[in-house]
């Protein structure tokens, strides 16, 4: 199975991608590998109750035909924005996973704690 792994973004072991925008902000979505594991996505539910998330907090769920997948915060962060249009276009994430972001997170973190293209391609083999 051929998967897309863009080189200019970061990854987590929970199959999230993070694209740095600005000094401390990241767009976050699900990787191509992750969406293929889930299968056709029926619903993406963002259950963000507070503006601050602790590392390991579940902040959403993706419901697919093969699997249900929890969105887990990769670090302590602030939610800057969530993509409110996502529920209308849930299936689009299957066709273009790196185009459809779920939320924008803000955190003063060391990016070396995240996986690079190389780390993630090794991890998903």
PDB file of N, CA and C in Angstrom:
ATOM      1  N   UNK A   1       0.849  -1.179   0.000  1.00  0.00           N
ATOM      2  CA  UNK A   1       0.000   0.000   0.000  1.00  0.00           C
ATOM      3  C   UNK A   1       0.891   1.239   0.000  1.00  0.00           C
ATOM      4  N   UNK A   2       0.707   2.066  -0.978  1.00  0.00           N
ATOM      5  CA  UNK A   2       1.489   3.294  -1.105  1.00  0.00           C
ATOM      6  C   UNK A   2       0.828   4.397  -0.275  1.00  0.00           C
ATOM      7  N   UNK A   3       1.600   5.001   0.634  1.00  0.00           N
ATOM      8  CA  UNK A   3       1.030   6.094   1.419  1.00  0.00           C
ATOM      9  C   UNK A   3       1.796   7.390   1.175  1.00  0.00           C
ATOM     10  N   UNK A   4       1.071   8.488   1.269  1.00  0.00           N
ATOM     11  CA  UNK A   4       1.677   9.810   1.136  1.00  0.00           C
ATOM     12  C   UNK A   4       2.226  10.237   2.489  1.00  0.00           C
ATOM     13  N   UNK A   5       3.477  10.701   2.489  1.00  0.00           N
ATOM     14  CA  UNK A   5       4.078  11.246   3.705  1.00  0.00           C
ATOM     15  C   UNK A   5       4.856  12.503   3.301  1.00  0.00           C
ATOM     16  N   UNK A   6       4.214  13.670   3.372  1.00  0.00           N
ATOM     17  CA  UNK A   6       4.929  14.898   3.024  1.00  0.00           C
ATOM     18  C   UNK A   6       6.158  15.107   3.909  1.00  0.00           C
ATOM     19  N   UNK A   7       7.211  15.667   3.340  1.00  0.00           N
ATOM     20  CA  UNK A   7       8.476  15.818   4.061  1.00  0.00           C
ATOM     21  C   UNK A   7       8.532  17.044   4.965  1.00  0.00           C
ATOM     22  N   UNK A   8       7.713  18.044   4.710  1.00  0.00           N
ATOM     23  CA  UNK A   8       7.855  19.318   5.411  1.00  0.00           C
ATOM     24  C   UNK A   8       6.983  19.460   6.657  1.00  0.00           C
ATOM     25  N   UNK A   9       6.411  18.353   7.146  1.00  0.00           N
ATOM     26  CA  UNK A   9       5.560  18.439   8.335  1.00  0.00           C
ATOM     27  C   UNK A   9       6.000  17.408   9.373  1.00  0.00           C
ATOM     28  N   UNK A  10       5.395  17.482  10.564  1.00  0.00           N
ATOM     29  CA  UNK A  10       5.729  16.583  11.672  1.00  0.00           C
ATOM     30  C   UNK A  10       4.608  15.574  11.882  1.00  0.00           C
ATOM     31  N   UNK A  11       4.929  14.511  12.621  1.00  0.00           N
ATOM     32  CA  UNK A  11       3.987  13.412  12.817  1.00  0.00           C
ATOM     33  C   UNK A  11       4.002  12.934  14.263  1.00  0.00           C
ATOM     34  N   UNK A  12       2.912  12.225  14.645  1.00  0.00           N
ATOM     35  CA  UNK A  12       2.865  11.588  15.964  1.00  0.00           C
ATOM     36  C   UNK A  12       2.624  10.090  15.771  1.00  0.00           C
ATOM     37  N   UNK A  13       2.877   9.321  16.830  1.00  0.00           N
ATOM     38  CA  UNK A  13       2.634   7.879  16.779  1.00  0.00           C
ATOM     39  C   UNK A  13       1.148   7.555  16.691  1.00  0.00           C
ATOM     40  N   UNK A  14       0.301   8.544  16.984  1.00  0.00           N
ATOM     41  CA  UNK A  14      -1.152   8.363  16.882  1.00  0.00           C
ATOM     42  C   UNK A  14      -1.651   8.735  15.481  1.00  0.00           C
ATOM     43  N   UNK A  15      -0.723   8.850  14.520  1.00  0.00           N
ATOM     44  CA  UNK A  15      -1.041   9.116  13.105  1.00  0.00           C
ATOM     45  C   UNK A  15      -1.687  10.484  12.860  1.00  0.00           C
ATOM     46  N   UNK A  16      -1.219  11.467  13.609  1.00  0.00           N
ATOM     47  CA  UNK A  16      -1.613  12.842  13.337  1.00  0.00           C
ATOM     48  C   UNK A  16      -0.461  13.531  12.621  1.00  0.00           C
ATOM     49  N   UNK A  17      -0.788  14.461  11.730  1.00  0.00           N
ATOM     50  CA  UNK A  17       0.239  15.307  11.125  1.00  0.00           C
ATOM     51  C   UNK A  17       0.116  16.704  11.719  1.00  0.00           C
ATOM     52  N   UNK A  18       1.257  17.377  11.823  1.00  0.00           N
ATOM     53  CA  UNK A  18       1.289  18.731  12.366  1.00  0.00           C
ATOM     54  C   UNK A  18       2.121  19.613  11.448  1.00  0.00           C
ATOM     55  N   UNK A  19       1.488  20.653  10.954  1.00  0.00           N
ATOM     56  CA  UNK A  19       2.205  21.600  10.100  1.00  0.00           C
ATOM     57  C   UNK A  19       2.381  22.889  10.879  1.00  0.00           C
ATOM     58  N   UNK A  20       3.646  23.287  11.030  1.00  0.00           N
ATOM     59  CA  UNK A  20       3.945  24.497  11.797  1.00  0.00           C
ATOM     60  C   UNK A  20       3.511  25.722  11.005  1.00  0.00           C
ATOM     61  N   UNK A  21       2.737  26.578  11.655  1.00  0.00           N
ATOM     62  CA  UNK A  21       2.325  27.853  11.058  1.00  0.00           C
ATOM     63  C   UNK A  21       2.615  28.929  12.093  1.00  0.00           C
ATOM     64  N   UNK A  22       3.555  29.777  11.806  1.00  0.00           N
ATOM     65  CA  UNK A  22       3.925  30.772  12.808  1.00  0.00           C
ATOM     66  C   UNK A  22       4.880  30.181  13.825  1.00  0.00           C
ATOM     67  N   UNK A  23       5.058  30.913  14.909  1.00  0.00           N
ATOM     68  CA  UNK A  23       6.067  30.539  15.893  1.00  0.00           C
ATOM     69  C   UNK A  23       5.673  29.335  16.748  1.00  0.00           C
ATOM     70  N   UNK A  24       4.427  29.328  17.231  1.00  0.00           N
ATOM     71  CA  UNK A  24       4.001  28.281  18.168  1.00  0.00           C
ATOM     72  C   UNK A  24       2.761  27.515  17.719  1.00  0.00           C
ATOM     73  N   UNK A  25       2.225  27.833  16.538  1.00  0.00           N
ATOM     74  CA  UNK A  25       0.966  27.218  16.107  1.00  0.00           C
ATOM     75  C   UNK A  25       1.182  26.083  15.106  1.00  0.00           C
ATOM     76  N   UNK A  26       0.288  25.114  15.174  1.00  0.00           N
ATOM     77  CA  UNK A  26       0.330  23.954  14.289  1.00  0.00           C
ATOM     78  C   UNK A  26      -1.077  23.641  13.793  1.00  0.00           C
ATOM     79  N   UNK A  27      -1.231  23.430  12.483  1.00  0.00           N
ATOM     80  CA  UNK A  27      -2.449  22.814  11.946  1.00  0.00           C
ATOM     81  C   UNK A  27      -2.286  21.322  12.195  1.00  0.00           C
ATOM     82  N   UNK A  28      -3.364  20.667  12.559  1.00  0.00           N
ATOM     83  CA  UNK A  28      -3.277  19.234  12.836  1.00  0.00           C
ATOM     84  C   UNK A  28      -4.394  18.492  12.101  1.00  0.00           C
ATOM     85  N   UNK A  29      -4.040  17.318  11.581  1.00  0.00           N
ATOM     86  CA  UNK A  29      -5.012  16.466  10.889  1.00  0.00           C
ATOM     87  C   UNK A  29      -4.554  15.018  10.990  1.00  0.00           C
ATOM     88  N   UNK A  30      -5.224  14.142  10.269  1.00  0.00           N
ATOM     89  CA  UNK A  30      -4.862  12.723  10.289  1.00  0.00           C
ATOM     90  C   UNK A  30      -4.014  12.405   9.056  1.00  0.00           C
ATOM     91  N   UNK A  31      -3.057  11.516   9.233  1.00  0.00           N
ATOM     92  CA  UNK A  31      -2.164  11.143   8.133  1.00  0.00           C
ATOM     93  C   UNK A  31      -2.875  10.238   7.130  1.00  0.00           C
ATOM     94  N   UNK A  32      -2.257  10.090   5.986  1.00  0.00           N
ATOM     95  CA  UNK A  32      -2.760   9.190   4.950  1.00  0.00           C
ATOM     96  C   UNK A  32      -2.809   7.760   5.488  1.00  0.00           C
ATOM     97  N   UNK A  33      -1.771   7.361   6.207  1.00  0.00           N
ATOM     98  CA  UNK A  33      -1.739   6.022   6.810  1.00  0.00           C
ATOM     99  C   UNK A  33      -2.937   5.848   7.746  1.00  0.00           C
ATOM    100  N   UNK A  34      -3.153   6.842   8.599  1.00  0.00           N
ATOM    101  CA  UNK A  34      -4.258   6.788   9.560  1.00  0.00           C
ATOM    102  C   UNK A  34      -5.621   6.667   8.890  1.00  0.00           C
ATOM    103  N   UNK A  35      -5.854   7.488   7.850  1.00  0.00           N
ATOM    104  CA  UNK A  35      -7.168   7.447   7.192  1.00  0.00           C
ATOM    105  C   UNK A  35      -7.375   6.127   6.455  1.00  0.00           C
ATOM    106  N   UNK A  36      -6.290   5.525   5.946  1.00  0.00           N
ATOM    107  CA  UNK A  36      -6.424   4.224   5.264  1.00  0.00           C
ATOM    108  C   UNK A  36      -6.770   3.114   6.260  1.00  0.00           C
ATOM    109  N   UNK A  37      -6.231   3.210   7.477  1.00  0.00           N
ATOM    110  CA  UNK A  37      -6.552   2.232   8.529  1.00  0.00           C
ATOM    111  C   UNK A  37      -8.033   2.319   8.929  1.00  0.00           C
ATOM    112  N   UNK A  38      -8.547   3.542   9.001  1.00  0.00           N
ATOM    113  CA  UNK A  38      -9.920   3.780   9.417  1.00  0.00           C
ATOM    114  C   UNK A  38     -10.916   3.364   8.335  1.00  0.00           C
ATOM    115  N   UNK A  39     -10.517   3.533   7.086  1.00  0.00           N
ATOM    116  CA  UNK A  39     -11.425   3.255   5.974  1.00  0.00           C
ATOM    117  C   UNK A  39     -12.277   4.478   5.682  1.00  0.00           C
ATOM    118  N   UNK A  40     -13.333   4.289   4.904  1.00  0.00           N
ATOM    119  CA  UNK A  40     -14.185   5.426   4.531  1.00  0.00           C
ATOM    120  C   UNK A  40     -14.702   6.112   5.794  1.00  0.00           C
ATOM    121  N   UNK A  41     -14.430   7.421   5.884  1.00  0.00           N
ATOM    122  CA  UNK A  41     -14.801   8.176   7.080  1.00  0.00           C
ATOM    123  C   UNK A  41     -16.239   8.652   6.964  1.00  0.00           C
ATOM    124  N   UNK A  42     -17.037   8.301   7.986  1.00  0.00           N
ATOM    125  CA  UNK A  42     -18.445   8.701   8.021  1.00  0.00           C
ATOM    126  C   UNK A  42     -18.637   9.985   8.812  1.00  0.00           C
ATOM    127  N   UNK A  43     -17.879  10.117   9.900  1.00  0.00           N
ATOM    128  CA  UNK A  43     -18.102  11.231  10.818  1.00  0.00           C
ATOM    129  C   UNK A  43     -16.811  11.585  11.543  1.00  0.00           C
ATOM    130  N   UNK A  44     -16.581  12.885  11.678  1.00  0.00           N
ATOM    131  CA  UNK A  44     -15.473  13.374  12.498  1.00  0.00           C
ATOM    132  C   UNK A  44     -16.100  14.256  13.565  1.00  0.00           C
ATOM    133  N   UNK A  45     -15.911  13.859  14.799  1.00  0.00           N
ATOM    134  CA  UNK A  45     -16.511  14.561  15.925  1.00  0.00           C
ATOM    135  C   UNK A  45     -15.401  15.212  16.744  1.00  0.00           C
ATOM    136  N   UNK A  46     -15.394  16.538  16.810  1.00  0.00           N
ATOM    137  CA  UNK A  46     -14.420  17.234  17.640  1.00  0.00           C
ATOM    138  C   UNK A  46     -15.093  17.558  18.969  1.00  0.00           C
ATOM    139  N   UNK A  47     -14.593  16.940  20.027  1.00  0.00           N
ATOM    140  CA  UNK A  47     -15.230  17.068  21.345  1.00  0.00           C
ATOM    141  C   UNK A  47     -14.405  17.968  22.258  1.00  0.00           C
ATOM    142  N   UNK A  48     -13.974  19.087  21.720  1.00  0.00           N
ATOM    143  CA  UNK A  48     -13.131  19.999  22.489  1.00  0.00           C
ATOM    144  C   UNK A  48     -14.028  20.811  23.420  1.00  0.00           C
ATOM    145  N   UNK A  49     -13.835  20.596  24.722  1.00  0.00           N
ATOM    146  CA  UNK A  49     -14.666  21.280  25.715  1.00  0.00           C
ATOM    147  C   UNK A  49     -13.973  22.534  26.263  1.00  0.00           C
ATOM    148  N   UNK A  50     -12.662  22.456  26.387  1.00  0.00           N
ATOM    149  CA  UNK A  50     -11.893  23.561  26.962  1.00  0.00           C
ATOM    150  C   UNK A  50     -10.911  24.079  25.932  1.00  0.00           C
ATOM    151  N   UNK A  51     -10.371  25.275  26.177  1.00  0.00           N
ATOM    152  CA  UNK A  51      -9.403  25.819  25.221  1.00  0.00           C
ATOM    153  C   UNK A  51      -7.989  25.286  25.467  1.00  0.00           C
ATOM    154  N   UNK A  52      -7.750  24.664  26.630  1.00  0.00           N
ATOM    155  CA  UNK A  52      -6.437  24.069  26.900  1.00  0.00           C
ATOM    156  C   UNK A  52      -6.554  22.558  26.987  1.00  0.00           C
ATOM    157  N   UNK A  53      -5.620  21.868  26.350  1.00  0.00           N
ATOM    158  CA  UNK A  53      -5.597  20.403  26.393  1.00  0.00           C
ATOM    159  C   UNK A  53      -4.298  19.938  27.032  1.00  0.00           C
ATOM    160  N   UNK A  54      -4.400  18.961  27.900  1.00  0.00           N
ATOM    161  CA  UNK A  54      -3.212  18.324  28.461  1.00  0.00           C
ATOM    162  C   UNK A  54      -2.779  17.218  27.501  1.00  0.00           C
ATOM    163  N   UNK A  55      -1.495  16.939  27.479  1.00  0.00           N
ATOM    164  CA  UNK A  55      -0.972  15.852  26.652  1.00  0.00           C
ATOM    165  C   UNK A  55      -1.733  14.564  26.970  1.00  0.00           C
ATOM    166  N   UNK A  56      -2.145  13.846  25.922  1.00  0.00           N
ATOM    167  CA  UNK A  56      -2.863  12.578  26.106  1.00  0.00           C
ATOM    168  C   UNK A  56      -4.373  12.710  26.171  1.00  0.00           C
ATOM    169  N   UNK A  57      -4.899  13.934  26.165  1.00  0.00           N
ATOM    170  CA  UNK A  57      -6.350  14.157  26.216  1.00  0.00           C
ATOM    171  C   UNK A  57      -6.983  13.808  24.870  1.00  0.00           C
ATOM    172  N   UNK A  58      -8.097  13.101  24.921  1.00  0.00           N
ATOM    173  CA  UNK A  58      -8.855  12.821  23.697  1.00  0.00           C
ATOM    174  C   UNK A  58      -9.697  14.055  23.385  1.00  0.00           C
ATOM    175  N   UNK A  59      -9.540  14.589  22.179  1.00  0.00           N
ATOM    176  CA  UNK A  59     -10.261  15.812  21.805  1.00  0.00           C
ATOM    177  C   UNK A  59     -11.161  15.625  20.576  1.00  0.00           C
ATOM    178  N   UNK A  60     -11.304  14.379  20.159  1.00  0.00           N
ATOM    179  CA  UNK A  60     -12.195  14.101  19.043  1.00  0.00           C
ATOM    180  C   UNK A  60     -12.151  12.629  18.668  1.00  0.00           C
ATOM    181  N   UNK A  61     -13.076  12.254  17.793  1.00  0.00           N
ATOM    182  CA  UNK A  61     -13.168  10.871  17.332  1.00  0.00           C
ATOM    183  C   UNK A  61     -13.486  10.867  15.839  1.00  0.00           C
ATOM    184  N   UNK A  62     -12.844   9.955  15.137  1.00  0.00           N
ATOM    185  CA  UNK A  62     -13.127   9.752  13.713  1.00  0.00           C
ATOM    186  C   UNK A  62     -13.784   8.382  13.585  1.00  0.00           C
ATOM    187  N   UNK A  63     -14.961   8.367  12.974  1.00  0.00           N
ATOM    188  CA  UNK A  63     -15.700   7.119  12.771  1.00  0.00           C
ATOM    189  C   UNK A  63     -15.582   6.697  11.310  1.00  0.00           C
ATOM    190  N   UNK A  64     -15.003   5.523  11.099  1.00  0.00           N
ATOM    191  CA  UNK A  64     -14.861   4.996   9.747  1.00  0.00           C
ATOM    192  C   UNK A  64     -15.456   3.613   9.644  1.00  0.00           C
ATOM    193  N   UNK A  65     -15.458   3.050   8.430  1.00  0.00           N
ATOM    194  CA  UNK A  65     -16.079   1.727   8.267  1.00  0.00           C
ATOM    195  C   UNK A  65     -15.221   0.609   8.865  1.00  0.00           C
ATOM    196  N   UNK A  66     -13.887   0.806   8.937  1.00  0.00           N
ATOM    197  CA  UNK A  66     -13.011  -0.233   9.482  1.00  0.00           C
ATOM    198  C   UNK A  66     -12.705  -0.037  10.959  1.00  0.00           C
ATOM    199  N   UNK A  67     -12.713   1.212  11.415  1.00  0.00           N
ATOM    200  CA  UNK A  67     -12.206   1.488  12.750  1.00  0.00           C
ATOM    201  C   UNK A  67     -12.742   2.815  13.267  1.00  0.00           C
ATOM    202  N   UNK A  68     -12.701   2.968  14.579  1.00  0.00           N
ATOM    203  CA  UNK A  68     -12.984   4.239  15.238  1.00  0.00           C
ATOM    204  C   UNK A  68     -11.664   4.701  15.822  1.00  0.00           C
ATOM    205  N   UNK A  69     -11.369   5.953  15.643  1.00  0.00           N
ATOM    206  CA  UNK A  69     -10.038   6.476  15.925  1.00  0.00           C
ATOM    207  C   UNK A  69     -10.166   7.710  16.805  1.00  0.00           C
ATOM    208  N   UNK A  70      -9.463   7.723  17.938  1.00  0.00           N
ATOM    209  CA  UNK A  70      -9.498   8.878  18.834  1.00  0.00           C
ATOM    210  C   UNK A  70      -8.379   9.852  18.492  1.00  0.00           C
ATOM    211  N   UNK A  71      -8.699  11.136  18.528  1.00  0.00           N
ATOM    212  CA  UNK A  71      -7.700  12.186  18.343  1.00  0.00           C
ATOM    213  C   UNK A  71      -7.135  12.495  19.726  1.00  0.00           C
ATOM    214  N   UNK A  72      -5.828  12.301  19.866  1.00  0.00           N
ATOM    215  CA  UNK A  72      -5.174  12.440  21.167  1.00  0.00           C
ATOM    216  C   UNK A  72      -4.168  13.582  21.101  1.00  0.00           C
ATOM    217  N   UNK A  73      -4.256  14.476  22.065  1.00  0.00           N
ATOM    218  CA  UNK A  73      -3.354  15.624  22.093  1.00  0.00           C
ATOM    219  C   UNK A  73      -1.904  15.160  22.250  1.00  0.00           C
ATOM    220  N   UNK A  74      -1.012  15.563  21.319  1.00  0.00           N
ATOM    221  CA  UNK A  74       0.375  15.117  21.374  1.00  0.00           C
ATOM    222  C   UNK A  74       1.224  15.848  22.419  1.00  0.00           C
ATOM    223  N   UNK A  75       0.696  16.959  22.936  1.00  0.00           N
ATOM    224  CA  UNK A  75       1.411  17.756  23.943  1.00  0.00           C
ATOM    225  C   UNK A  75       0.415  18.697  24.615  1.00  0.00           C
ATOM    226  N   UNK A  76       0.822  19.313  25.723  1.00  0.00           N
ATOM    227  CA  UNK A  76      -0.015  20.333  26.350  1.00  0.00           C
ATOM    228  C   UNK A  76      -0.143  21.483  25.358  1.00  0.00           C
ATOM    229  N   UNK A  77      -1.361  21.931  25.096  1.00  0.00           N
ATOM    230  CA  UNK A  77      -1.530  22.977  24.088  1.00  0.00           C
ATOM    231  C   UNK A  77      -2.832  23.748  24.287  1.00  0.00           C
ATOM    232  N   UNK A  78      -2.918  24.833  23.567  1.00  0.00           N
ATOM    233  CA  UNK A  78      -4.125  25.645  23.533  1.00  0.00           C
ATOM    234  C   UNK A  78      -4.778  25.422  22.164  1.00  0.00           C
ATOM    235  N   UNK A  79      -6.098  25.291  22.144  1.00  0.00           N
ATOM    236  CA  UNK A  79      -6.826  25.184  20.883  1.00  0.00           C
ATOM    237  C   UNK A  79      -7.081  26.605  20.395  1.00  0.00           C
ATOM    238  N   UNK A  80      -6.512  26.950  19.266  1.00  0.00           N
ATOM    239  CA  UNK A  80      -6.682  28.284  18.703  1.00  0.00           C
ATOM    240  C   UNK A  80      -7.967  28.332  17.879  1.00  0.00           C
ATOM    241  N   UNK A  81      -8.190  27.264  17.131  1.00  0.00           N
ATOM    242  CA  UNK A  81      -9.346  27.224  16.236  1.00  0.00           C
ATOM    243  C   UNK A  81      -9.665  25.772  15.931  1.00  0.00           C
ATOM    244  N   UNK A  82     -10.938  25.469  15.732  1.00  0.00           N
ATOM    245  CA  UNK A  82     -11.287  24.146  15.220  1.00  0.00           C
ATOM    246  C   UNK A  82     -11.997  24.320  13.892  1.00  0.00           C
ATOM    247  N   UNK A  83     -11.842  23.336  13.028  1.00  0.00           N
ATOM    248  CA  UNK A  83     -12.415  23.398  11.691  1.00  0.00           C
ATOM    249  C   UNK A  83     -13.885  22.999  11.777  1.00  0.00           C
ATOM    250  N   UNK A  84     -14.752  23.986  11.828  1.00  0.00           N
ATOM    251  CA  UNK A  84     -16.191  23.748  12.002  1.00  0.00           C
ATOM    252  C   UNK A  84     -16.856  23.165  10.760  1.00  0.00           C
ATOM    253  N   UNK A  85     -16.196  23.248   9.601  1.00  0.00           N
ATOM    254  CA  UNK A  85     -16.774  22.711   8.361  1.00  0.00           C
ATOM    255  C   UNK A  85     -16.458  21.236   8.157  1.00  0.00           C
ATOM    256  N   UNK A  86     -15.656  20.678   9.043  1.00  0.00           N
ATOM    257  CA  UNK A  86     -15.182  19.312   8.868  1.00  0.00           C
ATOM    258  C   UNK A  86     -16.309  18.292   8.765  1.00  0.00           C
ATOM    259  N   UNK A  87     -17.350  18.444   9.599  1.00  0.00           N
ATOM    260  CA  UNK A  87     -18.452  17.467   9.589  1.00  0.00           C
ATOM    261  C   UNK A  87     -19.160  17.415   8.234  1.00  0.00           C
ATOM    262  N   UNK A  88     -19.121  18.527   7.486  1.00  0.00           N
ATOM    263  CA  UNK A  88     -19.765  18.563   6.169  1.00  0.00           C
ATOM    264  C   UNK A  88     -18.940  17.821   5.121  1.00  0.00           C
ATOM    265  N   UNK A  89     -17.641  17.717   5.362  1.00  0.00           N
ATOM    266  CA  UNK A  89     -16.728  17.155   4.365  1.00  0.00           C
ATOM    267  C   UNK A  89     -15.890  16.000   4.923  1.00  0.00           C
ATOM    268  N   UNK A  90     -16.440  15.232   5.838  1.00  0.00           N
ATOM    269  CA  UNK A  90     -15.672  14.169   6.493  1.00  0.00           C
ATOM    270  C   UNK A  90     -15.014  13.222   5.493  1.00  0.00           C
ATOM    271  N   UNK A  91     -15.735  12.834   4.450  1.00  0.00           N
ATOM    272  CA  UNK A  91     -15.203  11.880   3.469  1.00  0.00           C
ATOM    273  C   UNK A  91     -14.048  12.467   2.655  1.00  0.00           C
ATOM    274  N   UNK A  92     -13.966  13.786   2.569  1.00  0.00           N
ATOM    275  CA  UNK A  92     -12.859  14.422   1.832  1.00  0.00           C
ATOM    276  C   UNK A  92     -11.507  14.096   2.461  1.00  0.00           C
ATOM    277  N   UNK A  93     -11.509  13.842   3.761  1.00  0.00           N
ATOM    278  CA  UNK A  93     -10.263  13.513   4.455  1.00  0.00           C
ATOM    279  C   UNK A  93      -9.653  12.236   3.867  1.00  0.00           C
ATOM    280  N   UNK A  94     -10.502  11.328   3.375  1.00  0.00           N
ATOM    281  CA  UNK A  94      -9.993  10.118   2.729  1.00  0.00           C
ATOM    282  C   UNK A  94      -9.245  10.431   1.438  1.00  0.00           C
ATOM    283  N   UNK A  95      -9.704  11.418   0.688  1.00  0.00           N
ATOM    284  CA  UNK A  95      -9.087  11.709  -0.602  1.00  0.00           C
ATOM    285  C   UNK A  95      -7.911  12.679  -0.488  1.00  0.00           C
ATOM    286  N   UNK A  96      -7.948  13.571   0.503  1.00  0.00           N
ATOM    287  CA  UNK A  96      -6.871  14.565   0.659  1.00  0.00           C
ATOM    288  C   UNK A  96      -6.594  14.813   2.140  1.00  0.00           C
ATOM    289  N   UNK A  97      -5.983  13.829   2.826  1.00  0.00           N
ATOM    290  CA  UNK A  97      -5.806  13.942   4.280  1.00  0.00           C
ATOM    291  C   UNK A  97      -4.947  15.129   4.725  1.00  0.00           C
ATOM    292  N   UNK A  98      -4.038  15.584   3.871  1.00  0.00           N
ATOM    293  CA  UNK A  98      -3.153  16.685   4.283  1.00  0.00           C
ATOM    294  C   UNK A  98      -3.721  18.051   3.926  1.00  0.00           C
ATOM    295  N   UNK A  99      -4.879  18.055   3.285  1.00  0.00           N
ATOM    296  CA  UNK A  99      -5.523  19.324   2.924  1.00  0.00           C
ATOM    297  C   UNK A  99      -6.537  19.736   3.991  1.00  0.00           C
ATOM    298  N   UNK A 100      -7.141  18.757   4.654  1.00  0.00           N
ATOM    299  CA  UNK A 100      -8.202  19.038   5.620  1.00  0.00           C
ATOM    300  C   UNK A 100      -7.694  18.928   7.055  1.00  0.00           C
ATOM    301  N   UNK A 101      -7.492  20.067   7.675  1.00  0.00           N
ATOM    302  CA  UNK A 101      -7.020  20.119   9.053  1.00  0.00           C
ATOM    303  C   UNK A 101      -8.207  20.062  10.009  1.00  0.00           C
ATOM    304  N   UNK A 102      -7.960  19.578  11.200  1.00  0.00           N
ATOM    305  CA  UNK A 102      -9.019  19.422  12.207  1.00  0.00           C
ATOM    306  C   UNK A 102      -9.043  20.600  13.173  1.00  0.00           C
ATOM    307  N   UNK A 103      -7.853  21.035  13.573  1.00  0.00           N
ATOM    308  CA  UNK A 103      -7.749  22.121  14.549  1.00  0.00           C
ATOM    309  C   UNK A 103      -6.400  22.803  14.407  1.00  0.00           C
ATOM    310  N   UNK A 104      -6.309  23.979  15.004  1.00  0.00           N
ATOM    311  CA  UNK A 104      -5.022  24.660  15.114  1.00  0.00           C
ATOM    312  C   UNK A 104      -4.664  24.678  16.592  1.00  0.00           C
ATOM    313  N   UNK A 105      -3.505  24.101  16.893  1.00  0.00           N
ATOM    314  CA  UNK A 105      -3.019  24.005  18.271  1.00  0.00           C
ATOM    315  C   UNK A 105      -1.863  24.974  18.453  1.00  0.00           C
ATOM    316  N   UNK A 106      -1.754  25.523  19.655  1.00  0.00           N
ATOM    317  CA  UNK A 106      -0.646  26.420  19.956  1.00  0.00           C
ATOM    318  C   UNK A 106       0.105  25.876  21.167  1.00  0.00           C
ATOM    319  N   UNK A 107       1.428  25.744  21.018  1.00  0.00           N
ATOM    320  CA  UNK A 107       2.241  25.223  22.119  1.00  0.00           C
ATOM    321  C   UNK A 107       3.692  25.615  21.910  1.00  0.00           C
ATOM    322  N   UNK A 108       4.353  25.960  23.009  1.00  0.00           N
ATOM    323  CA  UNK A 108       5.786  26.240  22.954  1.00  0.00           C
ATOM    324  C   UNK A 108       6.489  24.909  23.202  1.00  0.00           C
ATOM    325  N   UNK A 109       6.685  24.153  22.123  1.00  0.00           N
ATOM    326  CA  UNK A 109       7.293  22.829  22.275  1.00  0.00           C
ATOM    327  C   UNK A 109       8.560  22.747  21.437  1.00  0.00           C
ATOM    328  N   UNK A 110       9.344  21.779  21.781  1.00  0.00           N
ATOM    329  CA  UNK A 110      10.542  21.469  21.015  1.00  0.00           C
ATOM    330  C   UNK A 110      10.106  20.471  19.936  1.00  0.00           C
ATOM    331  N   UNK A 111      10.193  20.872  18.666  1.00  0.00           N
ATOM    332  CA  UNK A 111       9.715  20.003  17.582  1.00  0.00           C
ATOM    333  C   UNK A 111      10.506  18.699  17.466  1.00  0.00           C
ATOM    334  N   UNK A 112      11.666  18.628  18.113  1.00  0.00           N
ATOM    335  CA  UNK A 112      12.424  17.364  18.073  1.00  0.00           C
ATOM    336  C   UNK A 112      11.700  16.258  18.847  1.00  0.00           C
ATOM    337  N   UNK A 113      10.652  16.603  19.618  1.00  0.00           N
ATOM    338  CA  UNK A 113       9.854  15.584  20.304  1.00  0.00           C
ATOM    339  C   UNK A 113       8.843  14.946  19.352  1.00  0.00           C
ATOM    340  N   UNK A 114       8.683  15.538  18.157  1.00  0.00           N
ATOM    341  CA  UNK A 114       7.759  14.997  17.149  1.00  0.00           C
ATOM    342  C   UNK A 114       8.540  14.171  16.133  1.00  0.00           C
ATOM    343  N   UNK A 115       7.818  13.364  15.374  1.00  0.00           N
ATOM    344  CA  UNK A 115       8.457  12.539  14.352  1.00  0.00           C
ATOM    345  C   UNK A 115       8.615  13.333  13.059  1.00  0.00           C
ATOM    346  N   UNK A 116       9.719  13.099  12.380  1.00  0.00           N
ATOM    347  CA  UNK A 116       9.954  13.701  11.071  1.00  0.00           C
ATOM    348  C   UNK A 116       9.440  12.737   9.997  1.00  0.00           C
ATOM    349  N   UNK A 117       9.509  13.171   8.761  1.00  0.00           N
ATOM    350  CA  UNK A 117       9.173  12.330   7.610  1.00  0.00           C
ATOM    351  C   UNK A 117       9.896  10.979   7.717  1.00  0.00           C
ATOM    352  N   UNK A 118      11.194  11.045   7.966  1.00  0.00           N
ATOM    353  CA  UNK A 118      11.998   9.824   8.027  1.00  0.00           C
ATOM    354  C   UNK A 118      11.521   8.906   9.164  1.00  0.00           C
ATOM    355  N   UNK A 119      11.331   9.478  10.370  1.00  0.00           N
ATOM    356  CA  UNK A 119      10.877   8.687  11.533  1.00  0.00           C
ATOM    357  C   UNK A 119       9.518   8.040  11.249  1.00  0.00           C
ATOM    358  N   UNK A 120       8.630   8.821  10.658  1.00  0.00           N
ATOM    359  CA  UNK A 120       7.272   8.330  10.431  1.00  0.00           C
ATOM    360  C   UNK A 120       7.221   7.243   9.362  1.00  0.00           C
ATOM    361  N   UNK A 121       8.014   7.390   8.309  1.00  0.00           N
ATOM    362  CA  UNK A 121       8.026   6.337   7.281  1.00  0.00           C
ATOM    363  C   UNK A 121       8.579   5.034   7.869  1.00  0.00           C
ATOM    364  N   UNK A 122       9.579   5.128   8.740  1.00  0.00           N
ATOM    365  CA  UNK A 122      10.094   3.929   9.428  1.00  0.00           C
ATOM    366  C   UNK A 122       9.030   3.320  10.328  1.00  0.00           C
ATOM    367  N   UNK A 123       8.331   4.169  11.063  1.00  0.00           N
ATOM    368  CA  UNK A 123       7.300   3.755  12.033  1.00  0.00           C
ATOM    369  C   UNK A 123       6.140   3.028  11.349  1.00  0.00           C
ATOM    370  N   UNK A 124       5.770   3.442  10.138  1.00  0.00           N
ATOM    371  CA  UNK A 124       4.581   2.884   9.477  1.00  0.00           C
ATOM    372  C   UNK A 124       4.899   1.699   8.559  1.00  0.00           C
ATOM    373  N   UNK A 125       6.141   1.283   8.480  1.00  0.00           N
ATOM    374  CA  UNK A 125       6.471   0.138   7.616  1.00  0.00           C
ATOM    375  C   UNK A 125       6.135  -1.184   8.270  1.00  0.00           C
TER     376      UNK A 125
END
